[in-house]
C-alpha atoms as a PDB file:
ATOM      1  CA  MET A   1      13.764  14.403  -9.368  1.00  0.00           C
ATOM      2  CA  ALA A   2      11.067  16.243  -7.004  1.00  0.00           C
ATOM      3  CA  LYS A   3      10.088  14.224  -4.091  1.00  0.00           C
ATOM      4  CA  LYS A   4       6.720  12.650  -4.294  1.00  0.00           C
ATOM      5  CA  LYS A   5       3.899  13.759  -2.125  1.00  0.00           C
ATOM      6  CA  VAL A   6       2.760  11.443   0.548  1.00  0.00           C
ATOM      7  CA  ILE A   7      -0.763  10.109   0.817  1.00  0.00           C
ATOM      8  CA  LEU A   8      -2.101   8.133   3.974  1.00  0.00           C
ATOM      9  CA  SER A   9      -5.455   6.410   3.403  1.00  0.00           C
ATOM     10  CA  GLY A  10      -7.036   3.523   4.831  1.00  0.00           C
ATOM     11  CA  MET A  11     -10.355   1.605   5.956  1.00  0.00           C
ATOM     12  CA  ARG A  12     -11.648  -0.059   9.045  1.00  0.00           C
ATOM     13  CA  PRO A  13     -11.307  -3.803   8.640  1.00  0.00           C
ATOM     14  CA  THR A  14     -14.752  -4.948   8.097  1.00  0.00           C
ATOM     15  CA  GLY A  15     -14.042  -7.956   6.020  1.00  0.00           C
ATOM     16  CA  LYS A  16     -14.623  -8.406   2.216  1.00  0.00           C
ATOM     17  CA  LEU A  17     -15.144  -5.210   0.239  1.00  0.00           C
ATOM     18  CA  HIS A  18     -18.038  -4.219  -1.897  1.00  0.00           C
ATOM     19  CA  LEU A  19     -18.779  -2.020  -5.097  1.00  0.00           C
ATOM     20  CA  GLY A  20     -18.980   1.054  -2.738  1.00  0.00           C
ATOM     21  CA  HIS A  21     -15.478   0.588  -1.591  1.00  0.00           C
ATOM     22  CA  LEU A  22     -14.071   0.066  -5.129  1.00  0.00           C
ATOM     23  CA  VAL A  23     -15.808   3.011  -6.607  1.00  0.00           C
ATOM     24  CA  GLY A  24     -15.453   5.349  -3.548  1.00  0.00           C
ATOM     25  CA  ALA A  25     -11.740   4.386  -2.635  1.00  0.00           C
ATOM     26  CA  LEU A  26      -9.917   1.665  -4.130  1.00  0.00           C
ATOM     27  CA  GLU A  27      -9.933   2.727  -7.919  1.00  0.00           C
ATOM     28  CA  ASN A  28      -8.701   6.301  -6.795  1.00  0.00           C
ATOM     29  CA  TRP A  29      -5.860   4.674  -4.695  1.00  0.00           C
ATOM     30  CA  VAL A  30      -4.671   2.544  -7.473  1.00  0.00           C
ATOM     31  CA  ALA A  31      -4.827   5.444  -9.781  1.00  0.00           C
ATOM     32  CA  LEU A  32      -2.643   7.681  -7.370  1.00  0.00           C
ATOM     33  CA  GLN A  33      -0.039   5.302  -6.194  1.00  0.00           C
ATOM     34  CA  GLY A  34       2.396   6.011  -9.143  1.00  0.00           C
ATOM     35  CA  GLU A  35       2.055   9.724  -8.890  1.00  0.00           C
ATOM     36  CA  TYR A  36       2.326   9.697  -4.872  1.00  0.00           C
ATOM     37  CA  GLN A  37       4.017   7.766  -2.291  1.00  0.00           C
ATOM     38  CA  ASN A  38       1.158   5.813  -0.824  1.00  0.00           C
ATOM     39  CA  TYR A  39       0.786   4.309   2.573  1.00  0.00           C
ATOM     40  CA  HIS A  40      -2.650   2.110   3.181  1.00  0.00           C
ATOM     41  CA  LEU A  41      -3.535   1.731   6.871  1.00  0.00           C
ATOM     42  CA  ILE A  42      -5.731  -1.234   8.048  1.00  0.00           C
ATOM     43  CA  ALA A  43      -7.468   0.956  10.759  1.00  0.00           C
ATOM     44  CA  ASP A  44      -8.088  -1.895  13.403  1.00  0.00           C
ATOM     45  CA  TYR A  45      -8.205   0.598  16.333  1.00  0.00           C
ATOM     46  CA  HIS A  46     -10.667   2.715  14.696  1.00  0.00           C
ATOM     47  CA  ALA A  47     -12.923  -0.210  14.203  1.00  0.00           C
ATOM     48  CA  LEU A  48     -13.371  -0.284  17.914  1.00  0.00           C
ATOM     49  CA  THR A  49     -15.170   3.106  18.072  1.00  0.00           C
ATOM     50  CA  THR A  50     -18.420   1.418  16.930  1.00  0.00           C
ATOM     51  CA  ASP A  51     -17.815  -2.185  17.801  1.00  0.00           C
ATOM     52  CA  GLN A  52     -15.565  -3.428  20.689  1.00  0.00           C
ATOM     53  CA  ARG A  53     -15.635  -7.142  19.595  1.00  0.00           C
ATOM     54  CA  THR A  54     -12.332  -8.165  18.452  1.00  0.00           C
ATOM     55  CA  GLU A  55     -12.736 -11.800  17.532  1.00  0.00           C
ATOM     56  CA  ASN A  56     -12.703 -11.208  13.878  1.00  0.00           C
ATOM     57  CA  ILE A  57     -10.500  -8.160  13.461  1.00  0.00           C
ATOM     58  CA  TYR A  58      -7.658 -10.272  12.208  1.00  0.00           C
ATOM     59  CA  LYS A  59      -9.591 -12.242   9.629  1.00  0.00           C
ATOM     60  CA  ASN A  60     -11.396  -9.124   8.330  1.00  0.00           C
ATOM     61  CA  SER A  61      -8.087  -7.490   8.009  1.00  0.00           C
ATOM     62  CA  ILE A  62      -6.725 -10.202   5.815  1.00  0.00           C
ATOM     63  CA  ASP A  63      -9.970 -10.362   3.752  1.00  0.00           C
ATOM     64  CA  MET A  64      -9.665  -6.543   3.168  1.00  0.00           C
ATOM     65  CA  LEU A  65      -6.005  -6.558   2.515  1.00  0.00           C
ATOM     66  CA  VAL A  66      -6.626  -9.331  -0.154  1.00  0.00           C
ATOM     67  CA  ASP A  67      -9.349  -7.269  -1.797  1.00  0.00           C
ATOM     68  CA  TRP A  68      -6.880  -4.447  -1.947  1.00  0.00           C
ATOM     69  CA  LEU A  69      -4.255  -6.345  -3.628  1.00  0.00           C
ATOM     70  CA  ALA A  70      -6.950  -7.816  -5.976  1.00  0.00           C
ATOM     71  CA  ALA A  71      -7.888  -4.176  -6.933  1.00  0.00           C
ATOM     72  CA  GLY A  72      -4.453  -3.491  -8.173  1.00  0.00           C
ATOM     73  CA  LEU A  73      -2.700  -2.046  -5.003  1.00  0.00           C
ATOM     74  CA  ASP A  74       1.010  -2.650  -5.579  1.00  0.00           C
ATOM     75  CA  PRO A  75       2.775  -3.685  -2.115  1.00  0.00           C
ATOM     76  CA  LYS A  76       6.403  -2.755  -3.608  1.00  0.00           C
ATOM     77  CA  GLN A  77       5.172   0.838  -4.135  1.00  0.00           C
ATOM     78  CA  SER A  78       2.555   1.323  -1.269  1.00  0.00           C
ATOM     79  CA  PRO A  79       3.133  -0.412   2.260  1.00  0.00           C
ATOM     80  CA  MET A  80       0.091  -1.792   3.842  1.00  0.00           C
ATOM     81  CA  PHE A  81       0.018  -2.261   7.477  1.00  0.00           C
ATOM     82  CA  ARG A  82      -2.175  -2.658  10.693  1.00  0.00           C
ATOM     83  CA  GLN A  83      -2.677   0.528  12.765  1.00  0.00           C
ATOM     84  CA  SER A  84      -2.266  -1.515  15.910  1.00  0.00           C
ATOM     85  CA  GLN A  85       1.182  -3.022  15.143  1.00  0.00           C
ATOM     86  CA  ILE A  86       2.710   0.623  14.753  1.00  0.00           C
ATOM     87  CA  LYS A  87       2.785   1.881  18.296  1.00  0.00           C
ATOM     88  CA  GLN A  88       3.641   5.130  17.202  1.00  0.00           C
ATOM     89  CA  HIS A  89       0.258   5.935  16.154  1.00  0.00           C
ATOM     90  CA  THR A  90      -1.169   5.641  19.852  1.00  0.00           C
ATOM     91  CA  GLU A  91       1.846   7.926  21.221  1.00  0.00           C
ATOM     92  CA  LEU A  92       1.229  10.584  18.785  1.00  0.00           C
ATOM     93  CA  HIS A  93      -2.454  10.337  19.418  1.00  0.00           C
ATOM     94  CA  LEU A  94      -1.753  11.007  23.215  1.00  0.00           C
ATOM     95  CA  ILE A  95       0.272  13.976  22.154  1.00  0.00           C
ATOM     96  CA  PHE A  96      -2.169  15.469  19.769  1.00  0.00           C
ATOM     97  CA  SER A  97      -5.105  14.768  22.327  1.00  0.00           C
ATOM     98  CA  MET A  98      -3.554  17.662  24.330  1.00  0.00           C
ATOM     99  CA  LEU A  99      -3.713  20.186  21.504  1.00  0.00           C
ATOM    100  CA  VAL A 100      -7.431  20.120  20.874  1.00  0.00           C
ATOM    101  CA  THR A 101     -10.479  20.857  22.941  1.00  0.00           C
ATOM    102  CA  THR A 102     -13.611  18.663  23.392  1.00  0.00           C
ATOM    103  CA  ALA A 103     -15.569  21.642  22.411  1.00  0.00           C
ATOM    104  CA  ARG A 104     -13.926  21.448  18.964  1.00  0.00           C
ATOM    105  CA  LEU A 105     -14.496  17.842  18.651  1.00  0.00           C
ATOM    106  CA  GLU A 106     -18.006  18.024  19.470  1.00  0.00           C
ATOM    107  CA  ARG A 107     -18.568  20.549  16.703  1.00  0.00           C
ATOM    108  CA  ASN A 108     -17.388  17.759  14.223  1.00  0.00           C
ATOM    109  CA  PRO A 109     -20.531  17.396  11.715  1.00  0.00           C
ATOM    110  CA  THR A 110     -19.277  13.891  10.858  1.00  0.00           C
ATOM    111  CA  LEU A 111     -19.448  12.826  14.373  1.00  0.00           C
ATOM    112  CA  LYS A 112     -23.084  14.412  14.866  1.00  0.00           C
ATOM    113  CA  GLU A 113     -24.177  12.295  11.581  1.00  0.00           C
ATOM    114  CA  GLN A 114     -22.663   9.091  12.835  1.00  0.00           C
ATOM    115  CA  VAL A 115     -24.350   9.646  16.199  1.00  0.00           C
ATOM    116  CA  ARG A 116     -27.653  10.195  14.367  1.00  0.00           C
ATOM    117  CA  ASP A 117     -27.268   7.394  11.949  1.00  0.00           C
ATOM    118  CA  LEU A 118     -26.257   4.761  14.368  1.00  0.00           C
ATOM    119  CA  GLU A 119     -28.951   5.983  17.064  1.00  0.00           C
ATOM    120  CA  MET A 120     -26.173   6.192  19.668  1.00  0.00           C
ATOM    121  CA  GLU A 121     -27.130   7.081  23.260  1.00  0.00           C
ATOM    122  CA  ASN A 122     -23.699   7.459  24.729  1.00  0.00           C
ATOM    123  CA  VAL A 123     -20.550   8.603  22.643  1.00  0.00           C
ATOM    124  CA  ALA A 124     -17.266   6.823  23.792  1.00  0.00           C
ATOM    125  CA  TYR A 125     -14.336   9.152  24.496  1.00  0.00           C
ATOM    126  CA  GLY A 126     -12.516   7.138  21.651  1.00  0.00           C
ATOM    127  CA  HIS A 127     -15.185   8.009  19.363  1.00  0.00           C
ATOM    128  CA  LEU A 128     -15.289  11.649  20.191  1.00  0.00           C
ATOM    129  CA  GLY A 129     -11.536  11.530  19.698  1.00  0.00           C
ATOM    130  CA  TYR A 130     -11.620   9.642  16.360  1.00  0.00           C
ATOM    131  CA  PRO A 131     -10.498  12.584  14.334  1.00  0.00           C
ATOM    132  CA  VAL A 132      -7.368  12.934  16.685  1.00  0.00           C
ATOM    133  CA  LEU A 133      -6.264   9.553  16.140  1.00  0.00           C
ATOM    134  CA  GLN A 134      -7.006  10.064  12.383  1.00  0.00           C
ATOM    135  CA  ALA A 135      -4.747  12.999  12.598  1.00  0.00           C
ATOM    136  CA  ALA A 136      -1.798  10.937  14.066  1.00  0.00           C
ATOM    137  CA  ASP A 137      -2.389   8.497  11.351  1.00  0.00           C
ATOM    138  CA  ILE A 138      -1.862  10.929   8.607  1.00  0.00           C
ATOM    139  CA  LEU A 139       0.765  13.056  10.086  1.00  0.00           C
ATOM    140  CA  LEU A 140       2.790  10.132  11.435  1.00  0.00           C
ATOM    141  CA  TYR A 141       3.938   9.529   7.680  1.00  0.00           C
ATOM    142  CA  LYS A 142       3.713  13.349   7.030  1.00  0.00           C
ATOM    143  CA  GLY A 143       0.804  13.084   4.563  1.00  0.00           C
ATOM    144  CA  ASP A 144       0.449  15.885   2.077  1.00  0.00           C
ATOM    145  CA  VAL A 145      -2.764  14.543   0.520  1.00  0.00           C
ATOM    146  CA  VAL A 146      -5.749  12.553   1.759  1.00  0.00           C
ATOM    147  CA  PRO A 147      -8.201  11.113  -0.692  1.00  0.00           C
ATOM    148  CA  VAL A 148     -11.524  11.281   0.968  1.00  0.00           C
ATOM    149  CA  GLY A 149     -15.400  11.687   0.269  1.00  0.00           C
ATOM    150  CA  GLU A 150     -16.844  14.901   1.115  1.00  0.00           C
ATOM    151  CA  ASP A 151     -18.316  13.843   4.422  1.00  0.00           C
ATOM    152  CA  GLN A 152     -14.540  13.376   5.703  1.00  0.00           C
ATOM    153  CA  LEU A 153     -13.209  16.821   4.959  1.00  0.00           C
ATOM    154  CA  PRO A 154     -14.084  18.002   8.468  1.00  0.00           C
ATOM    155  CA  HIS A 155     -11.794  15.404   9.872  1.00  0.00           C
ATOM    156  CA  ILE A 156      -9.065  16.739   7.555  1.00  0.00           C
ATOM    157  CA  GLU A 157      -9.690  20.157   8.786  1.00  0.00           C
ATOM    158  CA  ILE A 158      -9.172  19.185  12.541  1.00  0.00           C
ATOM    159  CA  THR A 159      -5.888  17.323  11.081  1.00  0.00           C
ATOM    160  CA  ARG A 160      -4.547  20.783   9.752  1.00  0.00           C
ATOM    161  CA  GLU A 161      -5.495  22.630  12.749  1.00  0.00           C
ATOM    162  CA  ILE A 162      -3.590  20.024  14.996  1.00  0.00           C
ATOM    163  CA  ALA A 163      -0.557  20.305  12.722  1.00  0.00           C
ATOM    164  CA  ARG A 164      -0.656  24.139  12.948  1.00  0.00           C
ATOM    165  CA  ARG A 165      -0.971  23.942  16.520  1.00  0.00           C
ATOM    166  CA  PHE A 166       1.936  21.618  17.001  1.00  0.00           C
ATOM    167  CA  ASN A 167       4.336  23.542  14.626  1.00  0.00           C
ATOM    168  CA  THR A 168       3.491  26.657  16.249  1.00  0.00           C
ATOM    169  CA  LEU A 169       3.733  25.607  19.922  1.00  0.00           C
ATOM    170  CA  TYR A 170       6.925  23.528  19.277  1.00  0.00           C
ATOM    171  CA  LYS A 171       8.993  23.452  15.904  1.00  0.00           C
ATOM    172  CA  PRO A 172       7.727  22.863  12.447  1.00  0.00           C
ATOM    173  CA  VAL A 173       7.500  19.163  11.895  1.00  0.00           C
ATOM    174  CA  PHE A 174       4.224  18.335  10.125  1.00  0.00           C
ATOM    175  CA  PRO A 175       2.778  19.360   6.794  1.00  0.00           C
ATOM    176  CA  GLU A 176      -0.925  20.720   6.447  1.00  0.00           C
ATOM    177  CA  PRO A 177      -2.674  18.007   4.446  1.00  0.00           C
ATOM    178  CA  GLU A 178      -4.977  18.794   1.819  1.00  0.00           C
ATOM    179  CA  GLY A 179      -8.150  16.629   1.211  1.00  0.00           C
ATOM    180  CA  LYS A 180      -8.650  15.163  -2.429  1.00  0.00           C
ATOM    181  CA  ILE A 181     -12.140  14.411  -3.103  1.00  0.00           C
ATOM    182  CA  THR A 182     -12.599  11.204  -5.065  1.00  0.00           C
ATOM    183  CA  LYS A 183     -14.447  11.442  -8.382  1.00  0.00           C
ATOM    184  CA  PHE A 184     -17.121   8.836  -7.409  1.00  0.00           C
ATOM    185  CA  ALA A 185     -17.679   9.480  -3.771  1.00  0.00           C
ATOM    186  CA  ARG A 186     -20.736   7.428  -3.397  1.00  0.00           C
ATOM    187  CA  LEU A 187     -22.370   4.583  -5.199  1.00  0.00           C
ATOM    188  CA  PRO A 188     -26.115   3.733  -3.830  1.00  0.00           C
ATOM    189  CA  GLY A 189     -26.835   0.425  -2.550  1.00  0.00           C
ATOM    190  CA  LEU A 190     -29.323  -1.996  -3.982  1.00  0.00           C
ATOM    191  CA  ASP A 191     -32.008  -0.363  -2.079  1.00  0.00           C
ATOM    192  CA  GLY A 192     -31.247   3.008  -3.195  1.00  0.00           C
ATOM    193  CA  LYS A 193     -29.879   3.953   0.404  1.00  0.00           C
ATOM    194  CA  ARG A 194     -26.176   3.965   1.551  1.00  0.00           C
ATOM    195  CA  MET A 195     -24.378   0.898   0.640  1.00  0.00           C
ATOM    196  CA  SER A 196     -23.560  -1.155   3.826  1.00  0.00           C
ATOM    197  CA  LYS A 197     -22.984  -4.810   4.432  1.00  0.00           C
ATOM    198  CA  SER A 198     -24.924  -4.890   7.791  1.00  0.00           C
ATOM    199  CA  VAL A 199     -27.918  -3.906   5.784  1.00  0.00           C
ATOM    200  CA  GLY A 200     -27.353  -6.310   2.977  1.00  0.00           C
ATOM    201  CA  ASN A 201     -27.568  -3.910   0.011  1.00  0.00           C
ATOM    202  CA  THR A 202     -24.115  -4.465  -1.230  1.00  0.00           C
ATOM    203  CA  ILE A 203     -22.558  -6.405  -4.141  1.00  0.00           C
ATOM    204  CA  LEU A 204     -19.308  -8.103  -2.969  1.00  0.00           C
ATOM    205  CA  LEU A 205     -16.056  -7.540  -5.176  1.00  0.00           C
ATOM    206  CA  SER A 206     -15.323 -11.191  -4.505  1.00  0.00           C
ATOM    207  CA  GLY A 207     -18.881 -12.334  -5.550  1.00  0.00           C
ATOM    208  CA  SER A 208     -19.635 -14.962  -7.941  1.00  0.00           C
ATOM    209  CA  GLN A 209     -21.530 -14.419 -11.368  1.00  0.00           C
ATOM    210  CA  ASP A 210     -24.602 -16.076  -9.784  1.00  0.00           C
ATOM    211  CA  ALA A 211     -24.186 -14.185  -6.374  1.00  0.00           C
ATOM    212  CA  ILE A 212     -23.850 -10.737  -8.405  1.00  0.00           C
ATOM    213  CA  THR A 213     -26.823 -11.735 -10.677  1.00  0.00           C
ATOM    214  CA  LYS A 214     -29.210 -12.757  -7.786  1.00  0.00           C
ATOM    215  CA  LYS A 215     -28.235  -9.502  -6.091  1.00  0.00           C
ATOM    216  CA  MET A 216     -29.059  -7.266  -9.027  1.00  0.00           C
ATOM    217  CA  ARG A 217     -32.575  -8.943  -9.342  1.00  0.00           C
ATOM    218  CA  THR A 218     -33.172  -7.154  -5.853  1.00  0.00           C
ATOM    219  CA  ALA A 219     -32.301  -3.654  -6.898  1.00  0.00           C
ATOM    220  CA  VAL A 220     -34.881  -1.135  -6.882  1.00  0.00           C
ATOM    221  CA  THR A 221     -36.065   0.790  -9.907  1.00  0.00           C
ATOM    222  CA  ASP A 222     -38.359   3.638 -10.841  1.00  0.00           C
ATOM    223  CA  PRO A 223     -41.368   2.828  -8.644  1.00  0.00           C
ATOM    224  CA  GLN A 224     -43.707   4.340 -11.523  1.00  0.00           C
ATOM    225  CA  LYS A 225     -42.284   1.696 -13.939  1.00  0.00           C
ATOM    226  CA  LEU A 226     -43.971  -1.407 -13.055  1.00  0.00           C
ATOM    227  CA  ARG A 227     -43.707  -3.348 -16.063  1.00  0.00           C
ATOM    228  CA  LYS A 228     -42.235  -3.374 -19.719  1.00  0.00           C
ATOM    229  CA  GLY A 229     -43.859  -0.761 -21.571  1.00  0.00           C
ATOM    230  CA  ASP A 230     -44.082   1.842 -18.974  1.00  0.00           C
ATOM    231  CA  LYS A 231     -42.061   4.753 -19.581  1.00  0.00           C
ATOM    232  CA  GLY A 232     -39.309   4.944 -16.978  1.00  0.00           C
ATOM    233  CA  ARG A 233     -37.306   7.827 -15.475  1.00  0.00           C
ATOM    234  CA  PRO A 234     -33.447   6.532 -15.804  1.00  0.00           C
ATOM    235  CA  ASP A 235     -32.091   9.502 -13.584  1.00  0.00           C
ATOM    236  CA  ILE A 236     -33.883   8.284 -10.333  1.00  0.00           C
ATOM    237  CA  CYS A 237     -33.122   4.524 -11.188  1.00  0.00           C
ATOM    238  CA  LEU A 238     -29.999   3.136  -9.329  1.00  0.00           C
ATOM    239  CA  VAL A 239     -29.560   0.475 -11.998  1.00  0.00           C
ATOM    240  CA  PHE A 240     -29.176   3.269 -14.400  1.00  0.00           C
ATOM    241  CA  ALA A 241     -26.362   4.811 -12.041  1.00  0.00           C
ATOM    242  CA  TYR A 242     -24.599   1.494 -12.191  1.00  0.00           C
ATOM    243  CA  HIS A 243     -24.780   1.477 -16.072  1.00  0.00           C
ATOM    244  CA  ASN A 244     -23.086   4.889 -16.005  1.00  0.00           C
ATOM    245  CA  LYS A 245     -20.230   3.419 -14.142  1.00  0.00           C
ATOM    246  CA  PHE A 246     -20.013  -0.132 -15.421  1.00  0.00           C
ATOM    247  CA  ASN A 247     -21.467  -0.063 -18.785  1.00  0.00           C
ATOM    248  CA  PRO A 248     -21.093   3.732 -20.017  1.00  0.00           C
ATOM    249  CA  ALA A 249     -21.152   2.813 -23.576  1.00  0.00           C
ATOM    250  CA  GLU A 250     -24.700   1.633 -23.487  1.00  0.00           C
ATOM    251  CA  VAL A 251     -25.849   4.600 -21.482  1.00  0.00           C
ATOM    252  CA  PRO A 252     -27.467   6.459 -24.375  1.00  0.00           C
ATOM    253  CA  GLU A 253     -29.271   3.305 -25.724  1.00  0.00           C
ATOM    254  CA  ILE A 254     -30.519   2.465 -22.147  1.00  0.00           C
ATOM    255  CA  ARG A 255     -31.722   5.814 -21.492  1.00  0.00           C
ATOM    256  CA  ALA A 256     -33.758   5.728 -24.790  1.00  0.00           C
ATOM    257  CA  GLY A 257     -35.262   2.344 -24.213  1.00  0.00           C
ATOM    258  CA  CYS A 258     -36.292   3.302 -20.411  1.00  0.00           C
ATOM    259  CA  GLU A 259     -37.804   6.429 -21.377  1.00  0.00           C
ATOM    260  CA  SER A 260     -39.850   5.088 -24.152  1.00  0.00           C
ATOM    261  CA  GLY A 261     -40.777   1.907 -22.229  1.00  0.00           C
ATOM    262  CA  ALA A 262     -39.290  -0.517 -24.817  1.00  0.00           C
ATOM    263  CA  LEU A 263     -36.614  -1.683 -22.170  1.00  0.00           C
ATOM    264  CA  GLY A 264     -38.081  -3.833 -19.258  1.00  0.00           C
ATOM    265  CA  CYS A 265     -36.518  -3.434 -15.846  1.00  0.00           C
ATOM    266  CA  LEU A 266     -35.449  -7.114 -15.565  1.00  0.00           C
ATOM    267  CA  ASP A 267     -33.678  -7.088 -18.945  1.00  0.00           C
ATOM    268  CA  CYS A 268     -31.854  -3.780 -17.938  1.00  0.00           C
ATOM    269  CA  LYS A 269     -30.764  -5.489 -14.475  1.00  0.00           C
ATOM    270  CA  MET A 270     -29.359  -8.498 -16.128  1.00  0.00           C
ATOM    271  CA  ASN A 271     -27.432  -6.392 -18.652  1.00  0.00           C
ATOM    272  CA  CYS A 272     -25.990  -4.428 -15.871  1.00  0.00           C
ATOM    273  CA  ALA A 273     -25.249  -7.704 -13.801  1.00  0.00           C
ATOM    274  CA  LYS A 274     -23.183  -8.897 -16.791  1.00  0.00           C
ATOM    275  CA  HIS A 275     -21.180  -5.877 -17.239  1.00  0.00           C
ATOM    276  CA  ILE A 276     -20.367  -5.833 -13.451  1.00  0.00           C
ATOM    277  CA  VAL A 277     -19.464  -9.299 -13.509  1.00  0.00           C
ATOM    278  CA  ASP A 278     -17.043  -8.627 -16.349  1.00  0.00           C
ATOM    279  CA  ALA A 279     -15.620  -5.591 -14.718  1.00  0.00           C
ATOM    280  CA  LEU A 280     -14.724  -7.618 -11.573  1.00  0.00           C
ATOM    281  CA  ALA A 281     -13.377 -10.610 -13.304  1.00  0.00           C
ATOM    282  CA  PRO A 282      -9.549  -9.445 -13.017  1.00  0.00           C
ATOM    283  CA  ASN A 283     -10.540  -8.899  -9.260  1.00  0.00           C
ATOM    284  CA  ARG A 284     -11.726 -12.398  -8.746  1.00  0.00           C
ATOM    285  CA  GLU A 285      -8.744 -13.976 -10.579  1.00  0.00           C
ATOM    286  CA  LYS A 286      -6.336 -12.040  -8.421  1.00  0.00           C
ATOM    287  CA  ARG A 287      -8.102 -12.763  -5.150  1.00  0.00           C
ATOM    288  CA  ALA A 288      -8.178 -16.648  -5.975  1.00  0.00           C
ATOM    289  CA  TYR A 289      -4.370 -16.285  -6.277  1.00  0.00           C
ATOM    290  CA  TYR A 290      -4.001 -14.745  -3.116  1.00  0.00           C
ATOM    291  CA  GLU A 291      -6.467 -17.137  -1.377  1.00  0.00           C
ATOM    292  CA  GLN A 292      -4.319 -20.038  -2.630  1.00  0.00           C
ATOM    293  CA  HIS A 293      -1.312 -18.287  -1.453  1.00  0.00           C
ATOM    294  CA  PRO A 294      -1.913 -16.916   2.057  1.00  0.00           C
ATOM    295  CA  GLU A 295       1.719 -17.001   3.249  1.00  0.00           C
ATOM    296  CA  GLU A 296       2.449 -14.347   0.516  1.00  0.00           C
ATOM    297  CA  VAL A 297      -0.329 -12.087   1.946  1.00  0.00           C
ATOM    298  CA  THR A 298       1.077 -12.424   5.395  1.00  0.00           C
ATOM    299  CA  ASP A 299       4.506 -11.725   3.975  1.00  0.00           C
ATOM    300  CA  ILE A 300       3.225  -8.607   2.211  1.00  0.00           C
ATOM    301  CA  LEU A 301       1.605  -7.459   5.531  1.00  0.00           C
ATOM    302  CA  ALA A 302       4.855  -7.964   7.455  1.00  0.00           C
ATOM    303  CA  ASP A 303       6.917  -5.980   5.016  1.00  0.00           C
ATOM    304  CA  GLY A 304       4.574  -3.162   4.842  1.00  0.00           C
ATOM    305  CA  GLU A 305       4.487  -2.944   8.734  1.00  0.00           C
ATOM    306  CA  GLN A 306       8.484  -3.027   8.851  1.00  0.00           C
ATOM    307  CA  ARG A 307       8.662  -0.153   6.167  1.00  0.00           C
ATOM    308  CA  ALA A 308       5.938   1.867   7.880  1.00  0.00           C
ATOM    309  CA  LEU A 309       7.636   1.457  11.434  1.00  0.00           C
ATOM    310  CA  LYS A 310      10.802   2.876  10.064  1.00  0.00           C
ATOM    311  CA  VAL A 311       9.037   6.014   9.003  1.00  0.00           C
ATOM    312  CA  ALA A 312       6.835   6.241  12.263  1.00  0.00           C
ATOM    313  CA  GLN A 313      10.153   6.059  14.207  1.00  0.00           C
ATOM    314  CA  GLN A 314      11.833   8.808  12.437  1.00  0.00           C
ATOM    315  CA  THR A 315       8.857  11.252  12.572  1.00  0.00           C
ATOM    316  CA  MET A 316       8.524  10.398  16.470  1.00  0.00           C
ATOM    317  CA  SER A 317      12.138  11.043  16.752  1.00  0.00           C
ATOM    318  CA  GLU A 318      11.612  14.503  15.064  1.00  0.00           C
ATOM    319  CA  VAL A 319       8.554  15.042  17.403  1.00  0.00           C
ATOM    320  CA  HIS A 320      10.653  14.118  20.610  1.00  0.00           C
ATOM    321  CA  SER A 321      13.382  16.568  19.558  1.00  0.00           C
ATOM    322  CA  ALA A 322      10.799  19.354  18.762  1.00  0.00           C
ATOM    323  CA  MET A 323       9.231  19.045  22.122  1.00  0.00           C
ATOM    324  CA  GLY A 324      12.487  18.613  24.152  1.00  0.00           C
ATOM    325  CA  ILE A 325      11.123  15.138  25.292  1.00  0.00           C
ATOM    326  CA  GLY A 326      13.126  11.849  25.484  1.00  0.00           C
END
C-alpha cells in the first residue's frame, strides 16, 4: 500500500469553537482524516503572538480539544497535541529562523492585514516570525498538505521556501507542502463581518437551542427588507448564506419567498436556527460525553503528545545528521 500523505493542521487555543471553525476547518479535517495521516496542533505558542496572558491557555486548549473530538476527529487516527509540549518545534523554529530574511517576512501580506485589523502599533519579533514557527510546525511532521483558507497561502509559500533552502544548503529532509483550500473558507458572523468571539457575532458549537435561537434573532438581513411583504435580496443576506450551508433542501423555496416578500425575516431566522440546532445535535451529545469524562480527554491529549514526540524526535535526528550537528 502507498504511504498516506501527511497533513499538519491546527488552531490557536481560544476556548470553545464556533460555526466559523466548523465550516472553515473542522468539517474538512474530519473528511480528510481517512485519506491522509493527520496531525492536529493546539498552537499555544502561536497564541502568544497577539495575547501574552497565559492564565487561560490550558483551559482553552481543553475546551478546543473537546470541540475537535465532538466534531468527529478520531484520536486513534489523528494525534492531537500541544505545541508547547513538543520542544522540537522551538528548536526547528530556531534553525529555520536562520534561513529567512526579515525583509521576506515583512512582505508577508497576511502579517500586514493582521497589523491593520488589530491596529497594532508595534509588531513583536515573534509575530513577525509567526510563519517561521508555522513552517517548523508543518515540516517537523513532514507535512505534504496543509488545509488552509486563502489568506494563509502566503504562509505556506514561506514554508516551501524554507524547506527548499534547508534541502539545498544541507541535505534533502523536508517535502515542499501544498496548500489545500477548504471548500467553505468563510462563514460571515451574525453582523455580516468576519466571525469572531471577541466581537460577539458567533454561534458556539456547544450552544443550547435557546442560545442559538437568541443569537439568530440578532442576525442582520437585507436592510431594504424592513417587514414581511417587502421584497428581499437573498444573495446579500447572511441568513440566506446560513441556509445554503445548514438547510440546502429549502433554499429554492426560501429564495422565492424572500424575493416575493411572502417570507418574513423573523420566520426565516427561526427556520434557520432550527436547522443549525439539528445539525449541531451530534456535536452537543459528544461534547456532553467528554465533559462528563474529563480523564478521557487528558488521556487522549497525553497519547497524542507521546505519538507526536516520536515523530518529532526522528525528524530532528535527520536534521542534525544533515547539518552535521549533534
